[in-house]
Amino acid sequence: MRFYKALRPIRALSFDLDDTLYHNIPFIKDAEEWFSRYLTARYKLPDCCSAYAFWEHDKDLIALSQPELKNDVTYLRAKALTVTFARLQRVLPIMEALELVQIFIKKRSQVPVPESSLRLLDQLKSRVPLIALSNGNVCTQTLGLDHYFCFDLRPGLSPHQLRKPYPDLFQQAAQRLGVPLESILHVGDEPLSDVHGAVGAGCQCAWLKGGVAGRSSGIKNLLWLPTVELDDLAELLLIVH
C-alpha cells in the first residue's frame, strides 16, 4: 500500500465491479462466444455467425460512429444486433434485441466472486455505506453482491448520464448519500475510468494496482495519482474505520 495524498475522513465507499471485486475477463469472453452460438442456433443463422468475431465487427463500428451509445452498453449491444441481423437480411426489432441482451447479461454475470471479496464487503459495510459504481451491465443480484450495496449506479442514455471517467456517477452518488464528494473513497482497478474519473470528480481514490487478477492497466497509464495505491483489497480494512 502506497499513499500519494493525505487521506481525508471517509464517509462512504464506491466500488467498481469488473476486475476489481472479481476476475471478469475470461468469463465475459466465454459469455460472448456462448451468446454467438446461442443466436446462431436460435435463429438458424449461417455457421460463420457462431464465432463472436462476426458480431464484434458491427458492435465496434457502431461504438465508433455513435460514441454516445457507450453510455448504455446494453443498448449498444442491442443496436449492434439489429445491424448485424440487417446485414444477414433479417429483421430484428430493437425490443427483441434488448430482450436477447438480457439473456447475455444473465450469462455474463455468472462469475464466481472470491470469498475474500465477500468477506471484505461484509466487514466494510458495517463501517461505512457501500455503493456499486460501474460502467458495465453486470447484474449484482446474479453475482450475489446486491445486498452489500446501498444502491447501484450505472451510466445511461435515459436519463442522460455519462460513463466514468465523466463525473456524473460520482456526483449522483454524493447527492444520494448526502455527503461531500471528497468524503467518498472510490475503489477501482482502471487508471482512466476509476482513478481519473474519481479524482477529476473530487472524490478520493483507492487504486487496486493491476486489478484483482493483476491483469488491468499498469501505473504507466495513470493520468492523475490516486489517493492510495493498493496491492490487495484487504488493505482497505486498514484505512476505513
C-alpha atoms as a PDB file:
ATOM      1  CA  MET A   1       0.000   0.000   0.000  1.00  0.00           C
ATOM      2  CA  ARG A   2       1.371   3.393  -1.026  1.00  0.00           C
ATOM      3  CA  PHE A   3      -0.119   6.786  -0.218  1.00  0.00           C
ATOM      4  CA  TYR A   4       0.225   9.610  -2.742  1.00  0.00           C
ATOM      5  CA  LYS A   5      -2.036  12.095  -0.923  1.00  0.00           C
ATOM      6  CA  ALA A   6      -3.232  12.662   2.608  1.00  0.00           C
ATOM      7  CA  LEU A   7      -6.312  10.566   3.349  1.00  0.00           C
ATOM      8  CA  ARG A   8      -9.358  12.610   4.358  1.00  0.00           C
ATOM      9  CA  PRO A   9     -12.203  11.249   6.512  1.00  0.00           C
ATOM     10  CA  ILE A  10     -14.129   8.567   4.602  1.00  0.00           C
ATOM     11  CA  ARG A  11     -17.925   8.570   4.847  1.00  0.00           C
ATOM     12  CA  ALA A  12     -18.682   6.139   2.007  1.00  0.00           C
ATOM     13  CA  LEU A  13     -17.018   3.687  -0.365  1.00  0.00           C
ATOM     14  CA  SER A  14     -17.905   3.283  -4.019  1.00  0.00           C
ATOM     15  CA  PHE A  15     -16.771   0.146  -5.822  1.00  0.00           C
ATOM     16  CA  ASP A  16     -16.077  -0.576  -9.434  1.00  0.00           C
ATOM     17  CA  LEU A  17     -17.183  -4.162 -10.134  1.00  0.00           C
ATOM     18  CA  ASP A  18     -15.497  -5.921 -13.080  1.00  0.00           C
ATOM     19  CA  ASP A  19     -11.872  -6.833 -12.359  1.00  0.00           C
ATOM     20  CA  THR A  20     -11.976  -5.037  -9.001  1.00  0.00           C
ATOM     21  CA  LEU A  21     -14.075  -7.428  -6.908  1.00  0.00           C
ATOM     22  CA  TYR A  22     -13.701 -10.462  -9.205  1.00  0.00           C
ATOM     23  CA  HIS A  23     -11.810 -11.554 -12.318  1.00  0.00           C
ATOM     24  CA  ASN A  24     -14.091 -10.673 -15.212  1.00  0.00           C
ATOM     25  CA  ILE A  25     -12.082 -11.025 -18.429  1.00  0.00           C
ATOM     26  CA  PRO A  26     -12.216 -14.794 -19.125  1.00  0.00           C
ATOM     27  CA  PHE A  27     -15.876 -15.060 -18.137  1.00  0.00           C
ATOM     28  CA  ILE A  28     -17.118 -12.250 -20.361  1.00  0.00           C
ATOM     29  CA  LYS A  29     -15.141 -13.720 -23.267  1.00  0.00           C
ATOM     30  CA  ASP A  30     -16.772 -17.099 -22.668  1.00  0.00           C
ATOM     31  CA  ALA A  31     -20.181 -15.395 -22.474  1.00  0.00           C
ATOM     32  CA  GLU A  32     -19.555 -13.624 -25.799  1.00  0.00           C
ATOM     33  CA  GLU A  33     -18.773 -16.909 -27.519  1.00  0.00           C
ATOM     34  CA  TRP A  34     -21.708 -18.695 -25.872  1.00  0.00           C
ATOM     35  CA  PHE A  35     -24.095 -15.916 -26.925  1.00  0.00           C
ATOM     36  CA  SER A  36     -22.872 -16.090 -30.526  1.00  0.00           C
ATOM     37  CA  ARG A  37     -23.629 -19.820 -30.627  1.00  0.00           C
ATOM     38  CA  TYR A  38     -26.982 -19.235 -28.935  1.00  0.00           C
ATOM     39  CA  LEU A  39     -28.051 -16.655 -31.536  1.00  0.00           C
ATOM     40  CA  THR A  40     -26.876 -18.856 -34.386  1.00  0.00           C
ATOM     41  CA  ALA A  41     -28.880 -21.833 -33.147  1.00  0.00           C
ATOM     42  CA  ARG A  42     -31.992 -19.885 -32.133  1.00  0.00           C
ATOM     43  CA  TYR A  43     -32.321 -18.023 -35.437  1.00  0.00           C
ATOM     44  CA  LYS A  44     -30.819 -20.743 -37.662  1.00  0.00           C
ATOM     45  CA  LEU A  45     -28.077 -18.449 -38.890  1.00  0.00           C
ATOM     46  CA  PRO A  46     -25.092 -19.421 -41.075  1.00  0.00           C
ATOM     47  CA  ASP A  47     -22.271 -21.259 -39.298  1.00  0.00           C
ATOM     48  CA  CYS A  48     -19.982 -18.222 -39.588  1.00  0.00           C
ATOM     49  CA  CYS A  49     -22.216 -16.464 -37.039  1.00  0.00           C
ATOM     50  CA  SER A  50     -21.242 -18.874 -34.267  1.00  0.00           C
ATOM     51  CA  ALA A  51     -17.974 -17.003 -33.624  1.00  0.00           C
ATOM     52  CA  TYR A  52     -18.077 -13.769 -31.629  1.00  0.00           C
ATOM     53  CA  ALA A  53     -15.768 -12.038 -34.115  1.00  0.00           C
ATOM     54  CA  PHE A  54     -18.672 -11.998 -36.583  1.00  0.00           C
ATOM     55  CA  TRP A  55     -20.821  -9.929 -34.177  1.00  0.00           C
ATOM     56  CA  GLU A  56     -17.975  -7.888 -32.730  1.00  0.00           C
ATOM     57  CA  HIS A  57     -17.348  -6.157 -36.069  1.00  0.00           C
ATOM     58  CA  ASP A  58     -20.671  -4.281 -36.109  1.00  0.00           C
ATOM     59  CA  LYS A  59     -20.554  -3.558 -32.371  1.00  0.00           C
ATOM     60  CA  ASP A  60     -17.154  -1.889 -32.740  1.00  0.00           C
ATOM     61  CA  LEU A  61     -18.262   0.112 -35.784  1.00  0.00           C
ATOM     62  CA  ILE A  62     -21.356   1.428 -34.006  1.00  0.00           C
ATOM     63  CA  ALA A  63     -19.325   2.352 -30.934  1.00  0.00           C
ATOM     64  CA  LEU A  64     -17.011   4.379 -33.186  1.00  0.00           C
ATOM     65  CA  SER A  65     -19.764   6.066 -35.182  1.00  0.00           C
ATOM     66  CA  GLN A  66     -22.087   6.679 -32.213  1.00  0.00           C
ATOM     67  CA  PRO A  67     -19.789   7.008 -29.180  1.00  0.00           C
ATOM     68  CA  GLU A  68     -22.657   8.293 -27.036  1.00  0.00           C
ATOM     69  CA  LEU A  69     -24.024   4.728 -27.011  1.00  0.00           C
ATOM     70  CA  LYS A  70     -21.095   3.718 -24.813  1.00  0.00           C
ATOM     71  CA  ASN A  71     -23.063   5.340 -22.001  1.00  0.00           C
ATOM     72  CA  ASP A  72     -25.500   2.424 -22.215  1.00  0.00           C
ATOM     73  CA  VAL A  73     -23.642  -0.754 -23.125  1.00  0.00           C
ATOM     74  CA  THR A  74     -26.878  -2.750 -23.010  1.00  0.00           C
ATOM     75  CA  TYR A  75     -28.485  -0.587 -25.688  1.00  0.00           C
ATOM     76  CA  LEU A  76     -25.230  -0.505 -27.665  1.00  0.00           C
ATOM     77  CA  ARG A  77     -25.158  -4.298 -27.828  1.00  0.00           C
ATOM     78  CA  ALA A  78     -28.855  -4.443 -28.769  1.00  0.00           C
ATOM     79  CA  LYS A  79     -28.400  -1.845 -31.507  1.00  0.00           C
ATOM     80  CA  ALA A  80     -25.434  -3.802 -32.851  1.00  0.00           C
ATOM     81  CA  LEU A  81     -27.579  -6.947 -33.002  1.00  0.00           C
ATOM     82  CA  THR A  82     -30.166  -5.189 -35.172  1.00  0.00           C
ATOM     83  CA  VAL A  83     -27.434  -4.010 -37.543  1.00  0.00           C
ATOM     84  CA  THR A  84     -25.869  -7.462 -37.824  1.00  0.00           C
ATOM     85  CA  PHE A  85     -29.258  -9.067 -38.467  1.00  0.00           C
ATOM     86  CA  ALA A  86     -29.861  -6.485 -41.192  1.00  0.00           C
ATOM     87  CA  ARG A  87     -26.523  -7.465 -42.731  1.00  0.00           C
ATOM     88  CA  LEU A  88     -27.855 -11.030 -42.745  1.00  0.00           C
ATOM     89  CA  GLN A  89     -31.023  -9.722 -44.415  1.00  0.00           C
ATOM     90  CA  ARG A  90     -33.056 -10.448 -41.317  1.00  0.00           C
ATOM     91  CA  VAL A  91     -35.245  -8.060 -39.329  1.00  0.00           C
ATOM     92  CA  LEU A  92     -34.697  -7.898 -35.567  1.00  0.00           C
ATOM     93  CA  PRO A  93     -36.837  -5.302 -33.739  1.00  0.00           C
ATOM     94  CA  ILE A  94     -34.937  -3.312 -31.120  1.00  0.00           C
ATOM     95  CA  MET A  95     -37.236  -4.523 -28.312  1.00  0.00           C
ATOM     96  CA  GLU A  96     -36.483  -8.131 -29.210  1.00  0.00           C
ATOM     97  CA  ALA A  97     -32.786  -7.275 -29.350  1.00  0.00           C
ATOM     98  CA  LEU A  98     -32.970  -5.798 -25.854  1.00  0.00           C
ATOM     99  CA  GLU A  99     -34.615  -8.990 -24.591  1.00  0.00           C
ATOM    100  CA  LEU A 100     -31.802 -11.014 -26.143  1.00  0.00           C
ATOM    101  CA  VAL A 101     -29.195  -8.840 -24.434  1.00  0.00           C
ATOM    102  CA  GLN A 102     -30.809  -9.617 -21.074  1.00  0.00           C
ATOM    103  CA  ILE A 103     -30.045 -13.283 -21.780  1.00  0.00           C
ATOM    104  CA  PHE A 104     -26.424 -12.321 -22.424  1.00  0.00           C
ATOM    105  CA  ILE A 105     -26.262 -10.256 -19.221  1.00  0.00           C
ATOM    106  CA  LYS A 106     -27.522 -13.184 -17.164  1.00  0.00           C
ATOM    107  CA  LYS A 107     -24.837 -15.400 -18.688  1.00  0.00           C
ATOM    108  CA  ARG A 108     -22.020 -12.877 -18.294  1.00  0.00           C
ATOM    109  CA  SER A 109     -22.999 -12.283 -14.671  1.00  0.00           C
ATOM    110  CA  GLN A 110     -22.336 -15.896 -13.688  1.00  0.00           C
ATOM    111  CA  VAL A 111     -18.888 -15.035 -12.380  1.00  0.00           C
ATOM    112  CA  PRO A 112     -17.509 -16.605  -9.199  1.00  0.00           C
ATOM    113  CA  VAL A 113     -16.787 -13.843  -6.710  1.00  0.00           C
ATOM    114  CA  PRO A 114     -13.828 -14.711  -4.448  1.00  0.00           C
ATOM    115  CA  GLU A 115     -14.661 -15.422  -0.830  1.00  0.00           C
ATOM    116  CA  SER A 116     -12.060 -12.823   0.114  1.00  0.00           C
ATOM    117  CA  SER A 117     -14.082 -10.111  -1.675  1.00  0.00           C
ATOM    118  CA  LEU A 118     -17.315 -11.226   0.009  1.00  0.00           C
ATOM    119  CA  ARG A 119     -15.718 -11.225   3.468  1.00  0.00           C
ATOM    120  CA  LEU A 120     -14.220  -7.802   2.824  1.00  0.00           C
ATOM    121  CA  LEU A 121     -17.527  -6.271   1.750  1.00  0.00           C
ATOM    122  CA  ASP A 122     -19.248  -7.777   4.767  1.00  0.00           C
ATOM    123  CA  GLN A 123     -16.729  -6.176   7.105  1.00  0.00           C
ATOM    124  CA  LEU A 124     -16.710  -2.824   5.341  1.00  0.00           C
ATOM    125  CA  LYS A 125     -20.477  -2.397   5.160  1.00  0.00           C
ATOM    126  CA  SER A 126     -20.616  -2.333   8.964  1.00  0.00           C
ATOM    127  CA  ARG A 127     -18.261   0.658   8.926  1.00  0.00           C
ATOM    128  CA  VAL A 128     -19.458   2.893   6.082  1.00  0.00           C
ATOM    129  CA  PRO A 129     -22.139   2.803   3.351  1.00  0.00           C
ATOM    130  CA  LEU A 130     -21.074   0.912   0.211  1.00  0.00           C
ATOM    131  CA  ILE A 131     -22.279   1.588  -3.313  1.00  0.00           C
ATOM    132  CA  ALA A 132     -21.615  -0.019  -6.692  1.00  0.00           C
ATOM    133  CA  LEU A 133     -20.439   2.365  -9.401  1.00  0.00           C
ATOM    134  CA  SER A 134     -19.740   0.673 -12.726  1.00  0.00           C
ATOM    135  CA  ASN A 135     -19.800   1.386 -16.460  1.00  0.00           C
ATOM    136  CA  GLY A 136     -20.806  -2.192 -17.236  1.00  0.00           C
ATOM    137  CA  ASN A 137     -24.106  -4.078 -17.203  1.00  0.00           C
ATOM    138  CA  VAL A 138     -23.238  -6.977 -14.926  1.00  0.00           C
ATOM    139  CA  CYS A 139     -26.100  -7.935 -12.588  1.00  0.00           C
ATOM    140  CA  THR A 140     -25.124  -7.626  -8.914  1.00  0.00           C
ATOM    141  CA  GLN A 141     -28.080  -9.792  -7.917  1.00  0.00           C
ATOM    142  CA  THR A 142     -26.836 -12.679 -10.079  1.00  0.00           C
ATOM    143  CA  LEU A 143     -23.360 -12.137  -8.661  1.00  0.00           C
ATOM    144  CA  GLY A 144     -24.751 -12.296  -5.119  1.00  0.00           C
ATOM    145  CA  LEU A 145     -23.416  -8.816  -4.364  1.00  0.00           C
ATOM    146  CA  ASP A 146     -26.557  -6.677  -4.359  1.00  0.00           C
ATOM    147  CA  HIS A 147     -27.185  -6.874  -0.605  1.00  0.00           C
ATOM    148  CA  TYR A 148     -23.797  -5.352   0.179  1.00  0.00           C
ATOM    149  CA  PHE A 149     -24.606  -2.083  -1.585  1.00  0.00           C
ATOM    150  CA  CYS A 150     -26.976   0.720  -0.609  1.00  0.00           C
ATOM    151  CA  PHE A 151     -27.521   1.360  -4.317  1.00  0.00           C
ATOM    152  CA  ASP A 152     -26.029   0.629  -7.724  1.00  0.00           C
ATOM    153  CA  LEU A 153     -25.192   3.379 -10.245  1.00  0.00           C
ATOM    154  CA  ARG A 154     -24.657   2.884 -13.977  1.00  0.00           C
ATOM    155  CA  PRO A 155     -24.432   5.320 -16.895  1.00  0.00           C
ATOM    156  CA  GLY A 156     -27.324   5.506 -19.333  1.00  0.00           C
ATOM    157  CA  LEU A 157     -28.950   7.284 -22.246  1.00  0.00           C
ATOM    158  CA  SER A 158     -32.181   7.962 -20.364  1.00  0.00           C
ATOM    159  CA  PRO A 159     -31.725   9.796 -18.151  1.00  0.00           C
ATOM    160  CA  HIS A 160     -28.619  11.089 -19.903  1.00  0.00           C
ATOM    161  CA  GLN A 161     -25.788  10.103 -17.582  1.00  0.00           C
ATOM    162  CA  LEU A 162     -22.229   9.854 -18.825  1.00  0.00           C
ATOM    163  CA  ARG A 163     -19.967   6.924 -18.022  1.00  0.00           C
ATOM    164  CA  LYS A 164     -16.791   7.125 -15.984  1.00  0.00           C
ATOM    165  CA  PRO A 165     -14.400   8.984 -16.224  1.00  0.00           C
ATOM    166  CA  TYR A 166     -17.040  11.731 -16.556  1.00  0.00           C
ATOM    167  CA  PRO A 167     -18.169  12.973 -13.125  1.00  0.00           C
ATOM    168  CA  ASP A 168     -21.895  12.193 -13.495  1.00  0.00           C
ATOM    169  CA  LEU A 169     -21.988   8.948 -11.498  1.00  0.00           C
ATOM    170  CA  PHE A 170     -19.752  10.281  -8.732  1.00  0.00           C
ATOM    171  CA  GLN A 171     -21.854  13.412  -8.400  1.00  0.00           C
ATOM    172  CA  GLN A 172     -25.065  11.390  -8.238  1.00  0.00           C
ATOM    173  CA  ALA A 173     -23.523   9.156  -5.585  1.00  0.00           C
ATOM    174  CA  ALA A 174     -22.670  12.137  -3.388  1.00  0.00           C
ATOM    175  CA  GLN A 175     -26.169  13.600  -3.826  1.00  0.00           C
ATOM    176  CA  ARG A 176     -27.906  10.341  -2.953  1.00  0.00           C
ATOM    177  CA  LEU A 177     -25.660   9.718   0.047  1.00  0.00           C
ATOM    178  CA  GLY A 178     -25.870  13.322   1.218  1.00  0.00           C
ATOM    179  CA  VAL A 179     -22.107  13.583   1.688  1.00  0.00           C
ATOM    180  CA  PRO A 180     -19.382  15.756   0.106  1.00  0.00           C
ATOM    181  CA  LEU A 181     -17.594  14.275  -2.907  1.00  0.00           C
ATOM    182  CA  GLU A 182     -14.256  14.411  -1.102  1.00  0.00           C
ATOM    183  CA  SER A 183     -15.582  12.101   1.619  1.00  0.00           C
ATOM    184  CA  ILE A 184     -16.208   9.270  -0.883  1.00  0.00           C
ATOM    185  CA  LEU A 185     -13.350   6.837  -1.473  1.00  0.00           C
ATOM    186  CA  HIS A 186     -13.783   5.170  -4.859  1.00  0.00           C
ATOM    187  CA  VAL A 187     -12.156   1.755  -5.265  1.00  0.00           C
ATOM    188  CA  GLY A 188     -11.272   0.547  -8.746  1.00  0.00           C
ATOM    189  CA  ASP A 189      -8.688  -1.063 -10.996  1.00  0.00           C
ATOM    190  CA  GLU A 190      -8.811   1.060 -14.139  1.00  0.00           C
ATOM    191  CA  PRO A 191      -6.462   4.090 -14.445  1.00  0.00           C
ATOM    192  CA  LEU A 192      -8.779   6.102 -16.698  1.00  0.00           C
ATOM    193  CA  SER A 193     -12.351   5.346 -15.702  1.00  0.00           C
ATOM    194  CA  ASP A 194     -11.695   4.781 -11.996  1.00  0.00           C
ATOM    195  CA  VAL A 195      -8.688   6.889 -10.993  1.00  0.00           C
ATOM    196  CA  HIS A 196      -9.025   9.757 -13.452  1.00  0.00           C
ATOM    197  CA  GLY A 197     -12.796   9.684 -13.055  1.00  0.00           C
ATOM    198  CA  ALA A 198     -12.878   9.719  -9.268  1.00  0.00           C
ATOM    199  CA  VAL A 199     -10.100  12.259  -8.779  1.00  0.00           C
ATOM    200  CA  GLY A 200     -11.478  14.512 -11.505  1.00  0.00           C
ATOM    201  CA  ALA A 201     -14.890  14.468  -9.847  1.00  0.00           C
ATOM    202  CA  GLY A 202     -13.399  15.484  -6.497  1.00  0.00           C
ATOM    203  CA  CYS A 203     -13.501  12.083  -4.779  1.00  0.00           C
ATOM    204  CA  GLN A 204     -10.671  10.209  -3.150  1.00  0.00           C
ATOM    205  CA  CYS A 205      -9.490   7.084  -4.926  1.00  0.00           C
ATOM    206  CA  ALA A 206      -8.019   3.745  -3.889  1.00  0.00           C
ATOM    207  CA  TRP A 207      -6.439   2.228  -6.992  1.00  0.00           C
ATOM    208  CA  LEU A 208      -6.174  -1.569  -6.970  1.00  0.00           C
ATOM    209  CA  LYS A 209      -2.964  -1.891  -8.934  1.00  0.00           C
ATOM    210  CA  GLY A 210      -3.366  -4.472 -11.663  1.00  0.00           C
ATOM    211  CA  GLY A 211      -6.897  -5.334 -10.598  1.00  0.00           C
ATOM    212  CA  VAL A 212      -7.965  -8.429  -8.694  1.00  0.00           C
ATOM    213  CA  ALA A 213      -6.121 -10.732 -11.121  1.00  0.00           C
ATOM    214  CA  GLY A 214      -3.127  -8.495 -11.843  1.00  0.00           C
ATOM    215  CA  ARG A 215      -4.154  -8.009 -15.486  1.00  0.00           C
ATOM    216  CA  SER A 216      -5.514  -4.456 -15.511  1.00  0.00           C
ATOM    217  CA  SER A 217      -3.639  -1.463 -16.940  1.00  0.00           C
ATOM    218  CA  GLY A 218      -0.474  -0.556 -15.071  1.00  0.00           C
ATOM    219  CA  ILE A 219       0.885   2.596 -13.475  1.00  0.00           C
ATOM    220  CA  LYS A 220       2.201   3.950 -16.797  1.00  0.00           C
ATOM    221  CA  ASN A 221      -1.433   4.556 -17.769  1.00  0.00           C
ATOM    222  CA  LEU A 222      -2.221   6.762 -14.773  1.00  0.00           C
ATOM    223  CA  LEU A 223      -3.057  10.322 -15.771  1.00  0.00           C
ATOM    224  CA  TRP A 224      -3.650  11.501 -12.209  1.00  0.00           C
ATOM    225  CA  LEU A 225      -2.386   9.997  -8.986  1.00  0.00           C
ATOM    226  CA  PRO A 226      -4.856   8.200  -6.728  1.00  0.00           C
ATOM    227  CA  THR A 227      -5.048   8.896  -3.025  1.00  0.00           C
ATOM    228  CA  VAL A 228      -3.681   5.452  -2.274  1.00  0.00           C
ATOM    229  CA  GLU A 229      -2.414   2.504  -4.296  1.00  0.00           C
ATOM    230  CA  LEU A 230      -3.496  -0.923  -3.063  1.00  0.00           C
ATOM    231  CA  ASP A 231      -1.705  -4.212  -3.589  1.00  0.00           C
ATOM    232  CA  ASP A 232      -4.669  -6.095  -2.136  1.00  0.00           C
ATOM    233  CA  LEU A 233      -8.290  -5.100  -1.488  1.00  0.00           C
ATOM    234  CA  ALA A 234      -7.970  -6.277   2.123  1.00  0.00           C
ATOM    235  CA  GLU A 235      -5.759  -3.240   2.794  1.00  0.00           C
ATOM    236  CA  LEU A 236      -8.964  -1.176   2.811  1.00  0.00           C
ATOM    237  CA  LEU A 237      -9.606  -2.539   6.305  1.00  0.00           C
ATOM    238  CA  LEU A 238      -6.540  -0.651   7.480  1.00  0.00           C
ATOM    239  CA  ILE A 239      -7.774   2.736   6.296  1.00  0.00           C
ATOM    240  CA  VAL A 240     -11.572   2.556   6.634  1.00  0.00           C
ATOM    241  CA  HIS A 241     -12.686   2.764  10.262  1.00  0.00           C
END
